[in-house]
Amino acid sequence: MKKLGLALLMGFFLAGCGTAAKESEFWDHDTMYKNWDHLRYSWYGYKNPSPETGKESREQAWWGKPMEVNADKLKDTTP
């Protein structure tokens, strides 16, 4: 009985992981990092971002697909 419960628990866990990966579009990419510059920034450069790294990220499209956002629906965070 314990083995059946463990197997069901493992099945639910894997199903949840698969769904999360599908929703995040993880499988649509062949690599985790866009290129070596992106890898270097993600490992070391994120602590001291600069205008140059911002420019590189836009030019090389490091952060995925751009989305349209309706500014009227954003929360106001001003104090």
C-alpha atoms as a PDB file:
ATOM      1  CA  MET A   1       0.000   0.000   0.000  1.00  0.00           C
ATOM      2  CA  LYS A   2       2.879   2.358   0.769  1.00  0.00           C
ATOM      3  CA  LYS A   3       4.357   1.705  -2.672  1.00  0.00           C
ATOM      4  CA  LEU A   4       1.066   2.594  -4.362  1.00  0.00           C
ATOM      5  CA  GLY A   5       0.790   5.832  -2.369  1.00  0.00           C
ATOM      6  CA  LEU A   6       4.384   6.730  -3.187  1.00  0.00           C
ATOM      7  CA  ALA A   7       3.826   5.977  -6.879  1.00  0.00           C
ATOM      8  CA  LEU A   8       0.700   8.173  -6.944  1.00  0.00           C
ATOM      9  CA  LEU A   9       2.506  10.987  -5.157  1.00  0.00           C
ATOM     10  CA  MET A  10       5.411  10.777  -7.611  1.00  0.00           C
ATOM     11  CA  GLY A  11       2.978  10.762 -10.550  1.00  0.00           C
ATOM     12  CA  PHE A  12       1.203  13.896  -9.315  1.00  0.00           C
ATOM     13  CA  PHE A  13       4.536  15.608  -8.737  1.00  0.00           C
ATOM     14  CA  LEU A  14       5.787  14.840 -12.251  1.00  0.00           C
ATOM     15  CA  ALA A  15       2.469  15.901 -13.792  1.00  0.00           C
ATOM     16  CA  GLY A  16       2.709  19.225 -11.965  1.00  0.00           C
ATOM     17  CA  CYS A  17       6.288  19.763 -13.106  1.00  0.00           C
ATOM     18  CA  GLY A  18       5.332  18.987 -16.703  1.00  0.00           C
ATOM     19  CA  THR A  19       2.445  21.431 -16.596  1.00  0.00           C
ATOM     20  CA  ALA A  20       4.604  24.163 -15.098  1.00  0.00           C
ATOM     21  CA  ALA A  21       7.270  23.631 -17.773  1.00  0.00           C
ATOM     22  CA  LYS A  22       4.632  23.770 -20.509  1.00  0.00           C
ATOM     23  CA  GLU A  23       3.069  26.986 -19.182  1.00  0.00           C
ATOM     24  CA  SER A  24       6.467  28.697 -18.841  1.00  0.00           C
ATOM     25  CA  GLU A  25       7.348  27.799 -22.462  1.00  0.00           C
ATOM     26  CA  PHE A  26      10.528  26.103 -21.174  1.00  0.00           C
ATOM     27  CA  TRP A  27      10.409  23.488 -23.951  1.00  0.00           C
ATOM     28  CA  ASP A  28      10.229  26.162 -26.685  1.00  0.00           C
ATOM     29  CA  HIS A  29      13.906  27.031 -26.134  1.00  0.00           C
ATOM     30  CA  ASP A  30      16.873  24.884 -27.111  1.00  0.00           C
ATOM     31  CA  THR A  31      19.138  26.384 -24.426  1.00  0.00           C
ATOM     32  CA  MET A  32      18.748  28.088 -21.085  1.00  0.00           C
ATOM     33  CA  TYR A  33      20.926  31.077 -22.012  1.00  0.00           C
ATOM     34  CA  LYS A  34      20.694  32.990 -25.274  1.00  0.00           C
ATOM     35  CA  ASN A  35      24.492  33.139 -25.770  1.00  0.00           C
ATOM     36  CA  TRP A  36      27.775  33.353 -23.838  1.00  0.00           C
ATOM     37  CA  ASP A  37      27.227  37.029 -22.974  1.00  0.00           C
ATOM     38  CA  HIS A  38      23.882  36.164 -21.390  1.00  0.00           C
ATOM     39  CA  LEU A  39      25.460  33.311 -19.415  1.00  0.00           C
ATOM     40  CA  ARG A  40      28.267  35.551 -18.175  1.00  0.00           C
ATOM     41  CA  TYR A  41      25.791  38.262 -17.109  1.00  0.00           C
ATOM     42  CA  SER A  42      23.488  35.783 -15.380  1.00  0.00           C
ATOM     43  CA  TRP A  43      26.331  34.229 -13.403  1.00  0.00           C
ATOM     44  CA  TYR A  44      28.489  37.253 -12.575  1.00  0.00           C
ATOM     45  CA  GLY A  45      27.241  40.561 -13.988  1.00  0.00           C
ATOM     46  CA  TYR A  46      23.808  40.817 -12.407  1.00  0.00           C
ATOM     47  CA  LYS A  47      25.300  42.279  -9.231  1.00  0.00           C
ATOM     48  CA  ASN A  48      26.581  45.371 -11.065  1.00  0.00           C
ATOM     49  CA  PRO A  49      24.351  46.034 -14.069  1.00  0.00           C
ATOM     50  CA  SER A  50      25.439  48.791 -16.392  1.00  0.00           C
ATOM     51  CA  PRO A  51      23.970  50.649 -19.349  1.00  0.00           C
ATOM     52  CA  GLU A  52      26.165  48.479 -21.599  1.00  0.00           C
ATOM     53  CA  THR A  53      24.653  45.249 -20.287  1.00  0.00           C
ATOM     54  CA  GLY A  54      21.184  46.746 -20.678  1.00  0.00           C
ATOM     55  CA  LYS A  55      21.967  47.564 -24.286  1.00  0.00           C
ATOM     56  CA  GLU A  56      23.338  44.043 -24.887  1.00  0.00           C
ATOM     57  CA  SER A  57      20.244  42.456 -23.362  1.00  0.00           C
ATOM     58  CA  ARG A  58      17.926  44.415 -25.669  1.00  0.00           C
ATOM     59  CA  GLU A  59      20.044  43.846 -28.793  1.00  0.00           C
ATOM     60  CA  GLN A  60      20.464  40.117 -28.168  1.00  0.00           C
ATOM     61  CA  ALA A  61      16.927  39.533 -26.807  1.00  0.00           C
ATOM     62  CA  TRP A  62      18.057  37.760 -23.630  1.00  0.00           C
ATOM     63  CA  TRP A  63      14.772  37.954 -21.777  1.00  0.00           C
ATOM     64  CA  GLY A  64      12.358  36.210 -24.117  1.00  0.00           C
ATOM     65  CA  LYS A  65       9.397  37.395 -26.087  1.00  0.00           C
ATOM     66  CA  PRO A  66       8.196  40.966 -25.544  1.00  0.00           C
ATOM     67  CA  MET A  67       4.597  41.393 -24.432  1.00  0.00           C
ATOM     68  CA  GLU A  68       2.188  44.290 -24.774  1.00  0.00           C
ATOM     69  CA  VAL A  69       1.116  45.675 -21.392  1.00  0.00           C
ATOM     70  CA  ASN A  70      -1.808  47.971 -20.739  1.00  0.00           C
ATOM     71  CA  ALA A  71      -0.340  50.660 -18.473  1.00  0.00           C
ATOM     72  CA  ASP A  72      -3.787  51.570 -17.120  1.00  0.00           C
ATOM     73  CA  LYS A  73      -4.099  48.151 -15.465  1.00  0.00           C
ATOM     74  CA  LEU A  74      -0.772  48.317 -13.621  1.00  0.00           C
ATOM     75  CA  LYS A  75      -0.820  48.904  -9.884  1.00  0.00           C
ATOM     76  CA  ASP A  76       0.301  52.299  -8.650  1.00  0.00           C
ATOM     77  CA  THR A  77       3.337  51.816  -6.381  1.00  0.00           C
ATOM     78  CA  THR A  78       4.040  55.458  -5.592  1.00  0.00           C
ATOM     79  CA  PRO A  79       3.971  56.229  -1.859  1.00  0.00           C
END
